[in-house]
């Protein structure tokens, strides 16, 4: 799930795939805006055919937290 997530992340921010670590924080480390993050969630929902709970998504800070959450959904 982590690899799939990094593939999507590089479409939204100017960061190299190899620079994305499990502990990377979306806003602080990767430079996401709230709009970027919400747009990415929409793409993830389509790509993985899952429904992301917006309240739970608001608590996701790191790439690993997102990967763990998505693993539970699929």
N, C-alpha and C. Protein backbone atom coordinates (compact mmCIF):
# COMPACT_ATOMS: atom_id res chain seq x y z
N UNK A 1 0.82 -1.20 0.00
CA UNK A 1 0.00 0.00 0.00
C UNK A 1 0.87 1.26 0.00
N UNK A 2 1.99 1.21 0.71
CA UNK A 2 2.88 2.37 0.77
C UNK A 2 3.35 2.77 -0.62
N UNK A 3 3.76 1.79 -1.43
CA UNK A 3 4.26 2.08 -2.78
C UNK A 3 3.17 2.69 -3.66
N UNK A 4 1.97 2.15 -3.56
CA UNK A 4 0.86 2.68 -4.35
C UNK A 4 0.56 4.12 -3.94
N UNK A 5 0.64 4.37 -2.64
CA UNK A 5 0.39 5.71 -2.12
C UNK A 5 1.45 6.70 -2.60
N UNK A 6 2.70 6.29 -2.61
CA UNK A 6 3.76 7.21 -3.07
C UNK A 6 3.60 7.53 -4.55
N UNK A 7 3.11 6.58 -5.33
CA UNK A 7 2.85 6.84 -6.75
C UNK A 7 1.85 7.98 -6.92
N UNK A 8 0.85 8.00 -6.06
CA UNK A 8 -0.19 9.03 -6.13
C UNK A 8 0.33 10.36 -5.58
N UNK A 9 1.09 10.31 -4.49
CA UNK A 9 1.59 11.53 -3.84
C UNK A 9 2.42 12.38 -4.80
N UNK A 10 3.28 11.76 -5.60
CA UNK A 10 4.15 12.54 -6.49
C UNK A 10 3.37 13.29 -7.57
N UNK A 11 2.10 12.95 -7.76
CA UNK A 11 1.26 13.70 -8.70
C UNK A 11 0.77 15.02 -8.11
N UNK A 12 0.91 15.18 -6.80
CA UNK A 12 0.35 16.35 -6.13
C UNK A 12 1.39 17.33 -5.61
N UNK A 13 2.57 16.86 -5.30
CA UNK A 13 3.60 17.75 -4.75
C UNK A 13 4.93 17.50 -5.44
N UNK A 14 5.77 18.51 -5.40
CA UNK A 14 7.10 18.42 -6.02
C UNK A 14 8.06 17.71 -5.09
N UNK A 15 7.98 16.41 -5.06
CA UNK A 15 8.88 15.62 -4.22
C UNK A 15 9.20 14.32 -4.96
N UNK A 16 10.42 13.85 -4.82
CA UNK A 16 10.82 12.61 -5.48
C UNK A 16 10.29 11.43 -4.69
N UNK A 17 9.93 10.38 -5.41
CA UNK A 17 9.39 9.18 -4.76
C UNK A 17 10.31 8.66 -3.67
N UNK A 18 11.61 8.66 -3.95
CA UNK A 18 12.57 8.10 -2.99
C UNK A 18 12.71 8.97 -1.73
N UNK A 19 12.22 10.21 -1.80
CA UNK A 19 12.27 11.09 -0.62
C UNK A 19 11.05 10.95 0.28
N UNK A 20 10.07 10.17 -0.14
CA UNK A 20 8.87 9.96 0.67
C UNK A 20 9.13 8.78 1.61
N UNK A 21 9.07 9.07 2.88
CA UNK A 21 9.33 8.06 3.91
C UNK A 21 8.02 7.77 4.66
N UNK A 22 7.95 6.62 5.34
CA UNK A 22 6.73 6.33 6.11
C UNK A 22 6.38 7.42 7.12
N UNK A 23 7.40 8.03 7.70
CA UNK A 23 7.16 9.06 8.72
C UNK A 23 6.97 10.45 8.13
N UNK A 24 7.03 10.59 6.81
CA UNK A 24 6.83 11.90 6.17
C UNK A 24 5.43 12.41 6.47
N UNK A 25 5.36 13.66 6.92
CA UNK A 25 4.06 14.29 7.21
C UNK A 25 3.60 15.02 5.95
N UNK A 26 2.32 14.87 5.63
CA UNK A 26 1.79 15.45 4.39
C UNK A 26 1.99 16.96 4.32
N UNK A 27 1.59 17.68 5.32
CA UNK A 27 1.65 19.14 5.28
C UNK A 27 3.07 19.65 5.52
N UNK A 28 3.65 19.24 6.64
CA UNK A 28 4.93 19.80 7.07
C UNK A 28 6.11 19.36 6.21
N UNK A 29 6.17 18.07 5.86
CA UNK A 29 7.34 17.54 5.14
C UNK A 29 7.17 17.52 3.63
N UNK A 30 5.97 17.22 3.16
CA UNK A 30 5.76 17.05 1.73
C UNK A 30 5.17 18.29 1.06
N UNK A 31 4.71 19.25 1.84
CA UNK A 31 4.22 20.50 1.28
C UNK A 31 2.79 20.47 0.77
N UNK A 32 2.00 19.54 1.24
CA UNK A 32 0.59 19.49 0.83
C UNK A 32 -0.17 20.67 1.40
N UNK A 33 -1.12 21.17 0.61
CA UNK A 33 -2.12 22.10 1.14
C UNK A 33 -3.35 21.26 1.48
N UNK A 34 -4.29 21.84 2.18
CA UNK A 34 -5.53 21.12 2.49
C UNK A 34 -6.23 20.69 1.20
N UNK A 35 -6.22 21.58 0.21
CA UNK A 35 -6.86 21.26 -1.07
C UNK A 35 -6.15 20.09 -1.75
N UNK A 36 -4.80 20.10 -1.76
CA UNK A 36 -4.05 18.99 -2.35
C UNK A 36 -4.43 17.67 -1.68
N UNK A 37 -4.48 17.71 -0.36
CA UNK A 37 -4.76 16.50 0.40
C UNK A 37 -6.14 15.95 0.08
N UNK A 38 -7.14 16.82 0.05
CA UNK A 38 -8.50 16.38 -0.25
C UNK A 38 -8.62 15.88 -1.69
N UNK A 39 -7.94 16.54 -2.61
CA UNK A 39 -7.94 16.08 -4.01
C UNK A 39 -7.31 14.70 -4.12
N UNK A 40 -6.20 14.50 -3.40
CA UNK A 40 -5.54 13.20 -3.42
C UNK A 40 -6.45 12.12 -2.85
N UNK A 41 -7.18 12.44 -1.79
CA UNK A 41 -8.09 11.45 -1.21
C UNK A 41 -9.14 11.02 -2.23
N UNK A 42 -9.63 11.98 -3.01
CA UNK A 42 -10.60 11.65 -4.06
C UNK A 42 -10.02 10.69 -5.08
N UNK A 43 -8.78 10.94 -5.47
CA UNK A 43 -8.13 10.05 -6.44
C UNK A 43 -7.92 8.66 -5.85
N UNK A 44 -7.53 8.60 -4.57
CA UNK A 44 -7.33 7.31 -3.90
C UNK A 44 -8.63 6.53 -3.85
N UNK A 45 -9.73 7.21 -3.55
CA UNK A 45 -11.03 6.54 -3.50
C UNK A 45 -11.35 5.88 -4.84
N UNK A 46 -11.09 6.61 -5.92
CA UNK A 46 -11.36 6.06 -7.26
C UNK A 46 -10.40 4.93 -7.60
N UNK A 47 -9.11 5.15 -7.34
CA UNK A 47 -8.09 4.17 -7.73
C UNK A 47 -8.23 2.85 -6.96
N UNK A 48 -8.59 2.94 -5.69
CA UNK A 48 -8.66 1.74 -4.85
C UNK A 48 -10.08 1.25 -4.61
N UNK A 49 -11.06 1.99 -5.14
CA UNK A 49 -12.47 1.65 -4.97
C UNK A 49 -12.82 1.49 -3.49
N UNK A 50 -12.49 2.54 -2.73
CA UNK A 50 -12.80 2.58 -1.30
C UNK A 50 -13.51 3.89 -0.99
N UNK A 51 -14.12 3.95 0.19
CA UNK A 51 -14.73 5.20 0.64
C UNK A 51 -13.99 5.65 1.90
N UNK A 52 -13.42 6.84 1.84
CA UNK A 52 -12.63 7.37 2.94
C UNK A 52 -13.52 8.25 3.81
N UNK A 53 -13.53 7.95 5.10
CA UNK A 53 -14.29 8.75 6.06
C UNK A 53 -13.55 10.08 6.27
N UNK A 54 -14.23 11.19 6.01
CA UNK A 54 -13.57 12.50 6.06
C UNK A 54 -13.06 12.85 7.47
N UNK A 55 -13.81 12.44 8.49
CA UNK A 55 -13.35 12.72 9.86
C UNK A 55 -12.09 11.95 10.18
N UNK A 56 -12.04 10.69 9.77
CA UNK A 56 -10.83 9.89 10.01
C UNK A 56 -9.67 10.43 9.19
N UNK A 57 -9.95 10.84 7.96
CA UNK A 57 -8.89 11.38 7.09
C UNK A 57 -8.27 12.63 7.69
N UNK A 58 -9.08 13.42 8.41
CA UNK A 58 -8.58 14.65 9.03
C UNK A 58 -7.53 14.36 10.10
N UNK A 59 -7.52 13.15 10.62
CA UNK A 59 -6.56 12.78 11.66
C UNK A 59 -5.29 12.15 11.11
N UNK A 60 -5.24 11.94 9.81
CA UNK A 60 -4.07 11.32 9.19
C UNK A 60 -3.00 12.38 8.98
N UNK A 61 -1.83 12.14 9.53
CA UNK A 61 -0.72 13.11 9.43
C UNK A 61 0.44 12.60 8.57
N UNK A 62 0.73 11.29 8.66
CA UNK A 62 1.90 10.76 7.96
C UNK A 62 1.50 9.80 6.84
N UNK A 63 2.45 9.54 5.97
CA UNK A 63 2.21 8.62 4.86
C UNK A 63 1.90 7.22 5.40
N UNK A 64 2.61 6.80 6.44
CA UNK A 64 2.36 5.48 7.02
C UNK A 64 0.97 5.39 7.63
N UNK A 65 0.52 6.44 8.30
CA UNK A 65 -0.84 6.43 8.85
C UNK A 65 -1.86 6.28 7.73
N UNK A 66 -1.63 6.95 6.61
CA UNK A 66 -2.54 6.84 5.47
C UNK A 66 -2.51 5.42 4.90
N UNK A 67 -1.32 4.86 4.76
CA UNK A 67 -1.19 3.50 4.22
C UNK A 67 -1.88 2.49 5.13
N UNK A 68 -1.72 2.64 6.45
CA UNK A 68 -2.37 1.74 7.41
C UNK A 68 -3.89 1.85 7.31
N UNK A 69 -4.38 3.09 7.23
CA UNK A 69 -5.82 3.32 7.13
C UNK A 69 -6.38 2.68 5.85
N UNK A 70 -5.70 2.90 4.75
CA UNK A 70 -6.17 2.35 3.47
C UNK A 70 -6.11 0.83 3.45
N UNK A 71 -5.12 0.27 4.11
CA UNK A 71 -5.03 -1.19 4.19
C UNK A 71 -6.24 -1.79 4.91
N UNK A 72 -6.74 -1.06 5.92
CA UNK A 72 -7.92 -1.54 6.65
C UNK A 72 -9.17 -1.50 5.76
N UNK A 73 -9.21 -0.58 4.82
CA UNK A 73 -10.40 -0.41 3.97
C UNK A 73 -10.45 -1.43 2.84
N UNK A 74 -9.31 -1.85 2.36
CA UNK A 74 -9.33 -2.72 1.17
C UNK A 74 -9.19 -4.18 1.51
